[in-house]
Amino acid sequence: AGVESGAVTAFALAPVTPNPMHGAGRVEFALPRSAGVRVSVIDLQGREAMLLADGEYAAGRHSVAFSTARTGGLNAGLYFVQMRVAGQTFTRRLAITR
């Protein structure tokens, strides 16, 4: 269940593009109503490696661009992009290459 066109009827987190990622990527999410959202990159140990979005977002589709060079960079490997919203958690796998 990605973020598709049409009316937004449920919370959704689309896969990261491109994936695998080298340098820069983008993640999209959809909200059926305004809500507090936190989108993070999580490492395999469950630690937050990078914060991508944190705050109140209006209903609709949103896109966040990010770079592995941001905040000191992320090493090559497997990560997860996690969205927490309205008591729910959505997760997508992300591979970073060098």
PDB file of N, CA and C in Angstrom:
ATOM      1  N   ALA A   1       0.856  -1.180   0.000  1.00  0.00           N
ATOM      2  CA  ALA A   1       0.000   0.000   0.000  1.00  0.00           C
ATOM      3  C   ALA A   1       0.891   1.228   0.000  1.00  0.00           C
ATOM      4  N   GLY A   2       1.088   1.813  -1.139  1.00  0.00           N
ATOM      5  CA  GLY A   2       1.899   3.013  -1.249  1.00  0.00           C
ATOM      6  C   GLY A   2       1.035   4.245  -1.210  1.00  0.00           C
ATOM      7  N   VAL A   3       1.610   5.358  -1.557  1.00  0.00           N
ATOM      8  CA  VAL A   3       0.887   6.616  -1.621  1.00  0.00           C
ATOM      9  C   VAL A   3       0.477   6.803  -3.072  1.00  0.00           C
ATOM     10  N   GLU A   4      -0.801   6.604  -3.366  1.00  0.00           N
ATOM     11  CA  GLU A   4      -1.282   6.648  -4.737  1.00  0.00           C
ATOM     12  C   GLU A   4      -2.100   7.909  -4.975  1.00  0.00           C
ATOM     13  N   SER A   5      -2.443   8.155  -6.247  1.00  0.00           N
ATOM     14  CA  SER A   5      -3.254   9.316  -6.567  1.00  0.00           C
ATOM     15  C   SER A   5      -4.699   9.060  -6.146  1.00  0.00           C
ATOM     16  N   GLY A   6      -5.510  10.114  -6.123  1.00  0.00           N
ATOM     17  CA  GLY A   6      -6.898  10.003  -5.687  1.00  0.00           C
ATOM     18  C   GLY A   6      -7.040  10.537  -4.277  1.00  0.00           C
ATOM     19  N   ALA A   7      -8.240  10.390  -3.736  1.00  0.00           N
ATOM     20  CA  ALA A   7      -8.509  10.886  -2.394  1.00  0.00           C
ATOM     21  C   ALA A   7      -7.725  10.088  -1.358  1.00  0.00           C
ATOM     22  N   VAL A   8      -7.215  10.773  -0.350  1.00  0.00           N
ATOM     23  CA  VAL A   8      -6.480  10.114   0.729  1.00  0.00           C
ATOM     24  C   VAL A   8      -7.505   9.640   1.756  1.00  0.00           C
ATOM     25  N   THR A   9      -7.601   8.336   1.942  1.00  0.00           N
ATOM     26  CA  THR A   9      -8.588   7.774   2.870  1.00  0.00           C
ATOM     27  C   THR A   9      -7.951   7.082   4.068  1.00  0.00           C
ATOM     28  N   ALA A  10      -6.618   6.917   4.043  1.00  0.00           N
ATOM     29  CA  ALA A  10      -5.923   6.252   5.144  1.00  0.00           C
ATOM     30  C   ALA A  10      -4.492   6.762   5.221  1.00  0.00           C
ATOM     31  N   PHE A  11      -3.888   6.632   6.402  1.00  0.00           N
ATOM     32  CA  PHE A  11      -2.475   6.964   6.557  1.00  0.00           C
ATOM     33  C   PHE A  11      -1.663   5.980   5.718  1.00  0.00           C
ATOM     34  N   ALA A  12      -0.620   6.469   5.045  1.00  0.00           N
ATOM     35  CA  ALA A  12       0.198   5.592   4.204  1.00  0.00           C
ATOM     36  C   ALA A  12       1.616   6.126   4.102  1.00  0.00           C
ATOM     37  N   LEU A  13       2.562   5.206   3.986  1.00  0.00           N
ATOM     38  CA  LEU A  13       3.972   5.520   3.778  1.00  0.00           C
ATOM     39  C   LEU A  13       4.419   4.792   2.522  1.00  0.00           C
ATOM     40  N   ALA A  14       4.875   5.534   1.538  1.00  0.00           N
ATOM     41  CA  ALA A  14       5.334   4.931   0.274  1.00  0.00           C
ATOM     42  C   ALA A  14       6.766   4.432   0.425  1.00  0.00           C
ATOM     43  N   PRO A  15       7.192   3.518  -0.436  1.00  0.00           N
ATOM     44  CA  PRO A  15       8.594   3.083  -0.421  1.00  0.00           C
ATOM     45  C   PRO A  15       9.534   4.248  -0.740  1.00  0.00           C
ATOM     46  N   VAL A  16      10.731   4.192  -0.206  1.00  0.00           N
ATOM     47  CA  VAL A  16      11.758   5.198  -0.493  1.00  0.00           C
ATOM     48  C   VAL A  16      12.183   5.047  -1.951  1.00  0.00           C
ATOM     49  N   THR A  17      12.381   6.162  -2.625  1.00  0.00           N
ATOM     50  CA  THR A  17      12.890   6.130  -4.002  1.00  0.00           C
ATOM     51  C   THR A  17      14.134   6.985  -4.099  1.00  0.00           C
ATOM     52  N   PRO A  18      15.155   6.562  -4.786  1.00  0.00           N
ATOM     53  CA  PRO A  18      15.349   5.199  -5.278  1.00  0.00           C
ATOM     54  C   PRO A  18      15.729   4.277  -4.128  1.00  0.00           C
ATOM     55  N   ASN A  19      15.615   2.995  -4.358  1.00  0.00           N
ATOM     56  CA  ASN A  19      15.991   2.012  -3.354  1.00  0.00           C
ATOM     57  C   ASN A  19      16.511   0.778  -4.082  1.00  0.00           C
ATOM     58  N   PRO A  20      17.805   0.473  -3.992  1.00  0.00           N
ATOM     59  CA  PRO A  20      18.782   1.046  -3.070  1.00  0.00           C
ATOM     60  C   PRO A  20      19.107   2.498  -3.412  1.00  0.00           C
ATOM     61  N   MET A  21      19.553   3.194  -2.397  1.00  0.00           N
ATOM     62  CA  MET A  21      19.799   4.630  -2.482  1.00  0.00           C
ATOM     63  C   MET A  21      21.288   4.908  -2.377  1.00  0.00           C
ATOM     64  N   HIS A  22      21.752   5.838  -3.187  1.00  0.00           N
ATOM     65  CA  HIS A  22      23.137   6.296  -3.138  1.00  0.00           C
ATOM     66  C   HIS A  22      23.106   7.812  -3.193  1.00  0.00           C
ATOM     67  N   GLY A  23      23.360   8.469  -2.074  1.00  0.00           N
ATOM     68  CA  GLY A  23      23.390   9.928  -2.051  1.00  0.00           C
ATOM     69  C   GLY A  23      22.102  10.555  -1.574  1.00  0.00           C
ATOM     70  N   ALA A  24      21.081  10.604  -2.440  1.00  0.00           N
ATOM     71  CA  ALA A  24      19.843  11.298  -2.090  1.00  0.00           C
ATOM     72  C   ALA A  24      18.635  10.448  -2.429  1.00  0.00           C
ATOM     73  N   GLY A  25      17.570  10.667  -1.666  1.00  0.00           N
ATOM     74  CA  GLY A  25      16.335   9.927  -1.892  1.00  0.00           C
ATOM     75  C   GLY A  25      15.136  10.755  -1.481  1.00  0.00           C
ATOM     76  N   ARG A  26      13.984  10.123  -1.603  1.00  0.00           N
ATOM     77  CA  ARG A  26      12.726  10.802  -1.286  1.00  0.00           C
ATOM     78  C   ARG A  26      11.769   9.778  -0.698  1.00  0.00           C
ATOM     79  N   VAL A  27      11.004  10.217   0.276  1.00  0.00           N
ATOM     80  CA  VAL A  27       9.953   9.387   0.852  1.00  0.00           C
ATOM     81  C   VAL A  27       8.666  10.216   0.851  1.00  0.00           C
ATOM     82  N   GLU A  28       7.571   9.555   0.528  1.00  0.00           N
ATOM     83  CA  GLU A  28       6.270  10.221   0.488  1.00  0.00           C
ATOM     84  C   GLU A  28       5.334   9.563   1.482  1.00  0.00           C
ATOM     85  N   PHE A  29       4.442  10.387   2.049  1.00  0.00           N
ATOM     86  CA  PHE A  29       3.431   9.848   2.952  1.00  0.00           C
ATOM     87  C   PHE A  29       2.117  10.586   2.740  1.00  0.00           C
ATOM     88  N   ALA A  30       1.035   9.932   3.126  1.00  0.00           N
ATOM     89  CA  ALA A  30      -0.300  10.492   2.927  1.00  0.00           C
ATOM     90  C   ALA A  30      -1.053  10.479   4.250  1.00  0.00           C
ATOM     91  N   LEU A  31      -1.842  11.535   4.452  1.00  0.00           N
ATOM     92  CA  LEU A  31      -2.625  11.680   5.675  1.00  0.00           C
ATOM     93  C   LEU A  31      -4.076  11.987   5.304  1.00  0.00           C
ATOM     94  N   PRO A  32      -5.048  11.252   5.829  1.00  0.00           N
ATOM     95  CA  PRO A  32      -6.445  11.548   5.536  1.00  0.00           C
ATOM     96  C   PRO A  32      -6.964  12.759   6.312  1.00  0.00           C
ATOM     97  N   ARG A  33      -6.237  13.151   7.352  1.00  0.00           N
ATOM     98  CA  ARG A  33      -6.582  14.323   8.169  1.00  0.00           C
ATOM     99  C   ARG A  33      -5.290  14.896   8.732  1.00  0.00           C
ATOM    100  N   SER A  34      -5.342  16.118   9.209  1.00  0.00           N
ATOM    101  CA  SER A  34      -4.132  16.705   9.790  1.00  0.00           C
ATOM    102  C   SER A  34      -3.738  15.897  11.027  1.00  0.00           C
ATOM    103  N   ALA A  35      -2.420  15.763  11.222  1.00  0.00           N
ATOM    104  CA  ALA A  35      -1.931  14.941  12.332  1.00  0.00           C
ATOM    105  C   ALA A  35      -0.472  15.244  12.608  1.00  0.00           C
ATOM    106  N   GLY A  36      -0.052  14.930  13.812  1.00  0.00           N
ATOM    107  CA  GLY A  36       1.360  14.995  14.164  1.00  0.00           C
ATOM    108  C   GLY A  36       2.079  13.788  13.571  1.00  0.00           C
ATOM    109  N   VAL A  37       3.170  14.041  12.855  1.00  0.00           N
ATOM    110  CA  VAL A  37       3.882  12.992  12.139  1.00  0.00           C
ATOM    111  C   VAL A  37       5.360  13.036  12.513  1.00  0.00           C
ATOM    112  N   ARG A  38       5.959  11.854  12.674  1.00  0.00           N
ATOM    113  CA  ARG A  38       7.412  11.749  12.858  1.00  0.00           C
ATOM    114  C   ARG A  38       7.899  10.687  11.884  1.00  0.00           C
ATOM    115  N   VAL A  39       8.800  11.087  10.985  1.00  0.00           N
ATOM    116  CA  VAL A  39       9.378  10.172  10.001  1.00  0.00           C
ATOM    117  C   VAL A  39      10.882  10.132  10.260  1.00  0.00           C
ATOM    118  N   SER A  40      11.407   8.921  10.465  1.00  0.00           N
ATOM    119  CA  SER A  40      12.814   8.748  10.821  1.00  0.00           C
ATOM    120  C   SER A  40      13.439   7.610  10.031  1.00  0.00           C
ATOM    121  N   VAL A  41      14.776   7.655   9.912  1.00  0.00           N
ATOM    122  CA  VAL A  41      15.543   6.528   9.417  1.00  0.00           C
ATOM    123  C   VAL A  41      16.045   5.800  10.659  1.00  0.00           C
ATOM    124  N   ILE A  42      15.777   4.495  10.724  1.00  0.00           N
ATOM    125  CA  ILE A  42      16.114   3.675  11.885  1.00  0.00           C
ATOM    126  C   ILE A  42      17.167   2.650  11.477  1.00  0.00           C
ATOM    127  N   ASP A  43      18.200   2.466  12.311  1.00  0.00           N
ATOM    128  CA  ASP A  43      19.213   1.456  11.991  1.00  0.00           C
ATOM    129  C   ASP A  43      18.753   0.074  12.457  1.00  0.00           C
ATOM    130  N   LEU A  44      19.558  -0.948  12.191  1.00  0.00           N
ATOM    131  CA  LEU A  44      19.172  -2.322  12.525  1.00  0.00           C
ATOM    132  C   LEU A  44      19.056  -2.581  14.023  1.00  0.00           C
ATOM    133  N   GLN A  45      19.664  -1.731  14.835  1.00  0.00           N
ATOM    134  CA  GLN A  45      19.561  -1.872  16.289  1.00  0.00           C
ATOM    135  C   GLN A  45      18.347  -1.119  16.841  1.00  0.00           C
ATOM    136  N   GLY A  46      17.566  -0.496  15.950  1.00  0.00           N
ATOM    137  CA  GLY A  46      16.373   0.224  16.384  1.00  0.00           C
ATOM    138  C   GLY A  46      16.618   1.657  16.805  1.00  0.00           C
ATOM    139  N   ARG A  47      17.825   2.165  16.548  1.00  0.00           N
ATOM    140  CA  ARG A  47      18.157   3.546  16.919  1.00  0.00           C
ATOM    141  C   ARG A  47      17.790   4.495  15.792  1.00  0.00           C
ATOM    142  N   GLU A  48      17.339   5.676  16.154  1.00  0.00           N
ATOM    143  CA  GLU A  48      17.033   6.697  15.155  1.00  0.00           C
ATOM    144  C   GLU A  48      18.346   7.251  14.614  1.00  0.00           C
ATOM    145  N   ALA A  49      18.594   7.040  13.316  1.00  0.00           N
ATOM    146  CA  ALA A  49      19.831   7.484  12.690  1.00  0.00           C
ATOM    147  C   ALA A  49      19.677   8.847  12.033  1.00  0.00           C
ATOM    148  N   MET A  50      18.460   9.192  11.637  1.00  0.00           N
ATOM    149  CA  MET A  50      18.211  10.468  10.972  1.00  0.00           C
ATOM    150  C   MET A  50      16.733  10.818  11.112  1.00  0.00           C
ATOM    151  N   LEU A  51      16.442  12.050  11.470  1.00  0.00           N
ATOM    152  CA  LEU A  51      15.072  12.538  11.553  1.00  0.00           C
ATOM    153  C   LEU A  51      14.732  13.248  10.253  1.00  0.00           C
ATOM    154  N   LEU A  52      13.678  12.813   9.584  1.00  0.00           N
ATOM    155  CA  LEU A  52      13.291  13.395   8.296  1.00  0.00           C
ATOM    156  C   LEU A  52      12.143  14.389   8.409  1.00  0.00           C
ATOM    157  N   ALA A  53      11.204  14.131   9.294  1.00  0.00           N
ATOM    158  CA  ALA A  53      10.047  15.028   9.471  1.00  0.00           C
ATOM    159  C   ALA A  53       9.519  14.868  10.882  1.00  0.00           C
ATOM    160  N   ASP A  54       9.129  15.977  11.484  1.00  0.00           N
ATOM    161  CA  ASP A  54       8.577  15.931  12.841  1.00  0.00           C
ATOM    162  C   ASP A  54       7.714  17.160  13.039  1.00  0.00           C
ATOM    163  N   GLY A  55       6.406  16.960  13.125  1.00  0.00           N
ATOM    164  CA  GLY A  55       5.519  18.081  13.344  1.00  0.00           C
ATOM    165  C   GLY A  55       4.120  17.804  12.855  1.00  0.00           C
ATOM    166  N   GLU A  56       3.325  18.844  12.865  1.00  0.00           N
ATOM    167  CA  GLU A  56       1.930  18.767  12.440  1.00  0.00           C
ATOM    168  C   GLU A  56       1.869  18.974  10.927  1.00  0.00           C
ATOM    169  N   TYR A  57       1.213  18.070  10.232  1.00  0.00           N
ATOM    170  CA  TYR A  57       1.054  18.161   8.782  1.00  0.00           C
ATOM    171  C   TYR A  57      -0.423  18.163   8.438  1.00  0.00           C
ATOM    172  N   ALA A  58      -0.789  18.921   7.419  1.00  0.00           N
ATOM    173  CA  ALA A  58      -2.170  18.991   6.951  1.00  0.00           C
ATOM    174  C   ALA A  58      -2.540  17.705   6.222  1.00  0.00           C
ATOM    175  N   ALA A  59      -3.825  17.466   6.077  1.00  0.00           N
ATOM    176  CA  ALA A  59      -4.295  16.317   5.306  1.00  0.00           C
ATOM    177  C   ALA A  59      -3.773  16.428   3.880  1.00  0.00           C
ATOM    178  N   GLY A  60      -3.464  15.285   3.272  1.00  0.00           N
ATOM    179  CA  GLY A  60      -2.984  15.278   1.891  1.00  0.00           C
ATOM    180  C   GLY A  60      -1.711  14.470   1.748  1.00  0.00           C
ATOM    181  N   ARG A  61      -1.051  14.677   0.621  1.00  0.00           N
ATOM    182  CA  ARG A  61       0.191  13.963   0.304  1.00  0.00           C
ATOM    183  C   ARG A  61       1.389  14.864   0.573  1.00  0.00           C
ATOM    184  N   HIS A  62       2.436  14.277   1.114  1.00  0.00           N
ATOM    185  CA  HIS A  62       3.640  15.034   1.461  1.00  0.00           C
ATOM    186  C   HIS A  62       4.865  14.264   0.990  1.00  0.00           C
ATOM    187  N   SER A  63       5.928  14.992   0.687  1.00  0.00           N
ATOM    188  CA  SER A  63       7.164  14.405   0.196  1.00  0.00           C
ATOM    189  C   SER A  63       8.335  15.014   0.950  1.00  0.00           C
ATOM    190  N   VAL A  64       9.275  14.168   1.365  1.00  0.00           N
ATOM    191  CA  VAL A  64      10.462  14.627   2.080  1.00  0.00           C
ATOM    192  C   VAL A  64      11.690  14.128   1.327  1.00  0.00           C
ATOM    193  N   ALA A  65      12.527  15.047   0.876  1.00  0.00           N
ATOM    194  CA  ALA A  65      13.791  14.694   0.232  1.00  0.00           C
ATOM    195  C   ALA A  65      14.867  14.665   1.310  1.00  0.00           C
ATOM    196  N   PHE A  66      15.806  13.736   1.178  1.00  0.00           N
ATOM    197  CA  PHE A  66      16.905  13.681   2.141  1.00  0.00           C
ATOM    198  C   PHE A  66      18.156  13.129   1.480  1.00  0.00           C
ATOM    199  N   SER A  67      19.275  13.373   2.153  1.00  0.00           N
ATOM    200  CA  SER A  67      20.579  12.967   1.635  1.00  0.00           C
ATOM    201  C   SER A  67      21.317  12.174   2.696  1.00  0.00           C
ATOM    202  N   THR A  68      22.056  11.153   2.274  1.00  0.00           N
ATOM    203  CA  THR A  68      22.846  10.374   3.229  1.00  0.00           C
ATOM    204  C   THR A  68      24.002  11.194   3.784  1.00  0.00           C
ATOM    205  N   ALA A  69      24.344  12.307   3.159  1.00  0.00           N
ATOM    206  CA  ALA A  69      25.422  13.168   3.645  1.00  0.00           C
ATOM    207  C   ALA A  69      24.947  14.071   4.784  1.00  0.00           C
ATOM    208  N   ARG A  70      23.633  14.214   4.950  1.00  0.00           N
ATOM    209  CA  ARG A  70      23.072  15.077   5.986  1.00  0.00           C
ATOM    210  C   ARG A  70      23.422  14.536   7.371  1.00  0.00           C
ATOM    211  N   THR A  71      23.659  15.413   8.297  1.00  0.00           N
ATOM    212  CA  THR A  71      23.991  15.091   9.693  1.00  0.00           C
ATOM    213  C   THR A  71      25.113  14.066   9.830  1.00  0.00           C
ATOM    214  N   GLY A  72      26.155  14.221   9.034  1.00  0.00           N
ATOM    215  CA  GLY A  72      27.304  13.344   9.170  1.00  0.00           C
ATOM    216  C   GLY A  72      27.224  12.087   8.336  1.00  0.00           C
ATOM    217  N   GLY A  73      26.101  11.847   7.711  1.00  0.00           N
ATOM    218  CA  GLY A  73      25.967  10.721   6.792  1.00  0.00           C
ATOM    219  C   GLY A  73      25.573   9.416   7.446  1.00  0.00           C
ATOM    220  N   LEU A  74      25.137   8.516   6.605  1.00  0.00           N
ATOM    221  CA  LEU A  74      24.798   7.162   7.022  1.00  0.00           C
ATOM    222  C   LEU A  74      25.732   6.215   6.287  1.00  0.00           C
ATOM    223  N   ASN A  75      26.205   5.206   6.966  1.00  0.00           N
ATOM    224  CA  ASN A  75      27.050   4.209   6.327  1.00  0.00           C
ATOM    225  C   ASN A  75      26.216   3.341   5.405  1.00  0.00           C
ATOM    226  N   ALA A  76      26.887   2.707   4.455  1.00  0.00           N
ATOM    227  CA  ALA A  76      26.200   1.757   3.588  1.00  0.00           C
ATOM    228  C   ALA A  76      25.621   0.641   4.450  1.00  0.00           C
ATOM    229  N   GLY A  77      24.441   0.182   4.091  1.00  0.00           N
ATOM    230  CA  GLY A  77      23.825  -0.905   4.842  1.00  0.00           C
ATOM    231  C   GLY A  77      22.319  -0.876   4.751  1.00  0.00           C
ATOM    232  N   LEU A  78      21.675  -1.660   5.589  1.00  0.00           N
ATOM    233  CA  LEU A  78      20.236  -1.773   5.622  1.00  0.00           C
ATOM    234  C   LEU A  78      19.666  -0.911   6.743  1.00  0.00           C
ATOM    235  N   TYR A  79      18.630  -0.155   6.418  1.00  0.00           N
ATOM    236  CA  TYR A  79      17.942   0.713   7.372  1.00  0.00           C
ATOM    237  C   TYR A  79      16.446   0.546   7.158  1.00  0.00           C
ATOM    238  N   PHE A  80      15.678   1.235   7.998  1.00  0.00           N
ATOM    239  CA  PHE A  80      14.236   1.282   7.847  1.00  0.00           C
ATOM    240  C   PHE A  80      13.791   2.722   7.947  1.00  0.00           C
ATOM    241  N   VAL A  81      12.823   3.104   7.128  1.00  0.00           N
ATOM    242  CA  VAL A  81      12.180   4.408   7.266  1.00  0.00           C
ATOM    243  C   VAL A  81      10.889   4.136   8.010  1.00  0.00           C
ATOM    244  N   GLN A  82      10.699   4.862   9.094  1.00  0.00           N
ATOM    245  CA  GLN A  82       9.555   4.630   9.964  1.00  0.00           C
ATOM    246  C   GLN A  82       8.734   5.902  10.098  1.00  0.00           C
ATOM    247  N   MET A  83       7.420   5.772   9.948  1.00  0.00           N
ATOM    248  CA  MET A  83       6.499   6.892  10.150  1.00  0.00           C
ATOM    249  C   MET A  83       5.596   6.554  11.328  1.00  0.00           C
ATOM    250  N   ARG A  84       5.551   7.456  12.286  1.00  0.00           N
ATOM    251  CA  ARG A  84       4.649   7.316  13.428  1.00  0.00           C
ATOM    252  C   ARG A  84       3.614   8.420  13.334  1.00  0.00           C
ATOM    253  N   VAL A  85       2.345   8.007  13.356  1.00  0.00           N
ATOM    254  CA  VAL A  85       1.249   8.963  13.235  1.00  0.00           C
ATOM    255  C   VAL A  85       0.003   8.373  13.887  1.00  0.00           C
ATOM    256  N   ALA A  86      -0.679   9.163  14.682  1.00  0.00           N
ATOM    257  CA  ALA A  86      -1.965   8.788  15.281  1.00  0.00           C
ATOM    258  C   ALA A  86      -1.934   7.409  15.936  1.00  0.00           C
ATOM    259  N   GLY A  87      -0.871   7.103  16.693  1.00  0.00           N
ATOM    260  CA  GLY A  87      -0.770   5.834  17.387  1.00  0.00           C
ATOM    261  C   GLY A  87      -0.439   4.645  16.497  1.00  0.00           C
ATOM    262  N   GLN A  88      -0.116   4.895  15.239  1.00  0.00           N
ATOM    263  CA  GLN A  88       0.235   3.836  14.299  1.00  0.00           C
ATOM    264  C   GLN A  88       1.686   3.997  13.870  1.00  0.00           C
ATOM    265  N   THR A  89       2.310   2.887  13.462  1.00  0.00           N
ATOM    266  CA  THR A  89       3.673   2.908  12.956  1.00  0.00           C
ATOM    267  C   THR A  89       3.705   2.204  11.610  1.00  0.00           C
ATOM    268  N   PHE A  90       4.319   2.856  10.626  1.00  0.00           N
ATOM    269  CA  PHE A  90       4.490   2.315   9.281  1.00  0.00           C
ATOM    270  C   PHE A  90       5.973   2.224   9.008  1.00  0.00           C
ATOM    271  N   THR A  91       6.425   1.148   8.374  1.00  0.00           N
ATOM    272  CA  THR A  91       7.855   0.932   8.161  1.00  0.00           C
ATOM    273  C   THR A  91       8.120   0.480   6.734  1.00  0.00           C
ATOM    274  N   ARG A  92       9.183   1.021   6.148  1.00  0.00           N
ATOM    275  CA  ARG A  92       9.661   0.610   4.816  1.00  0.00           C
ATOM    276  C   ARG A  92      11.150   0.327   4.919  1.00  0.00           C
ATOM    277  N   ARG A  93      11.606  -0.681   4.183  1.00  0.00           N
ATOM    278  CA  ARG A  93      13.029  -1.043   4.175  1.00  0.00           C
ATOM    279  C   ARG A  93      13.788  -0.100   3.231  1.00  0.00           C
ATOM    280  N   LEU A  94      15.039   0.200   3.588  1.00  0.00           N
ATOM    281  CA  LEU A  94      15.904   1.079   2.795  1.00  0.00           C
ATOM    282  C   LEU A  94      17.313   0.513   2.787  1.00  0.00           C
ATOM    283  N   ALA A  95      17.862   0.337   1.598  1.00  0.00           N
ATOM    284  CA  ALA A  95      19.266  -0.085   1.451  1.00  0.00           C
ATOM    285  C   ALA A  95      20.066   1.122   0.964  1.00  0.00           C
ATOM    286  N   ILE A  96      21.181   1.392   1.620  1.00  0.00           N
ATOM    287  CA  ILE A  96      22.073   2.485   1.228  1.00  0.00           C
ATOM    288  C   ILE A  96      23.366   1.879   0.716  1.00  0.00           C
ATOM    289  N   THR A  97      23.772   2.326  -0.476  1.00  0.00           N
ATOM    290  CA  THR A  97      25.005   1.837  -1.091  1.00  0.00           C
ATOM    291  C   THR A  97      26.004   2.976  -1.189  1.00  0.00           C
ATOM    292  N   ARG A  98      27.259   2.627  -1.399  1.00  0.00           N
ATOM    293  CA  ARG A  98      28.323   3.636  -1.578  1.00  0.00           C
ATOM    294  C   ARG A  98      28.825   3.611  -2.985  1.00  0.00           C
TER     295      ARG A  98
END
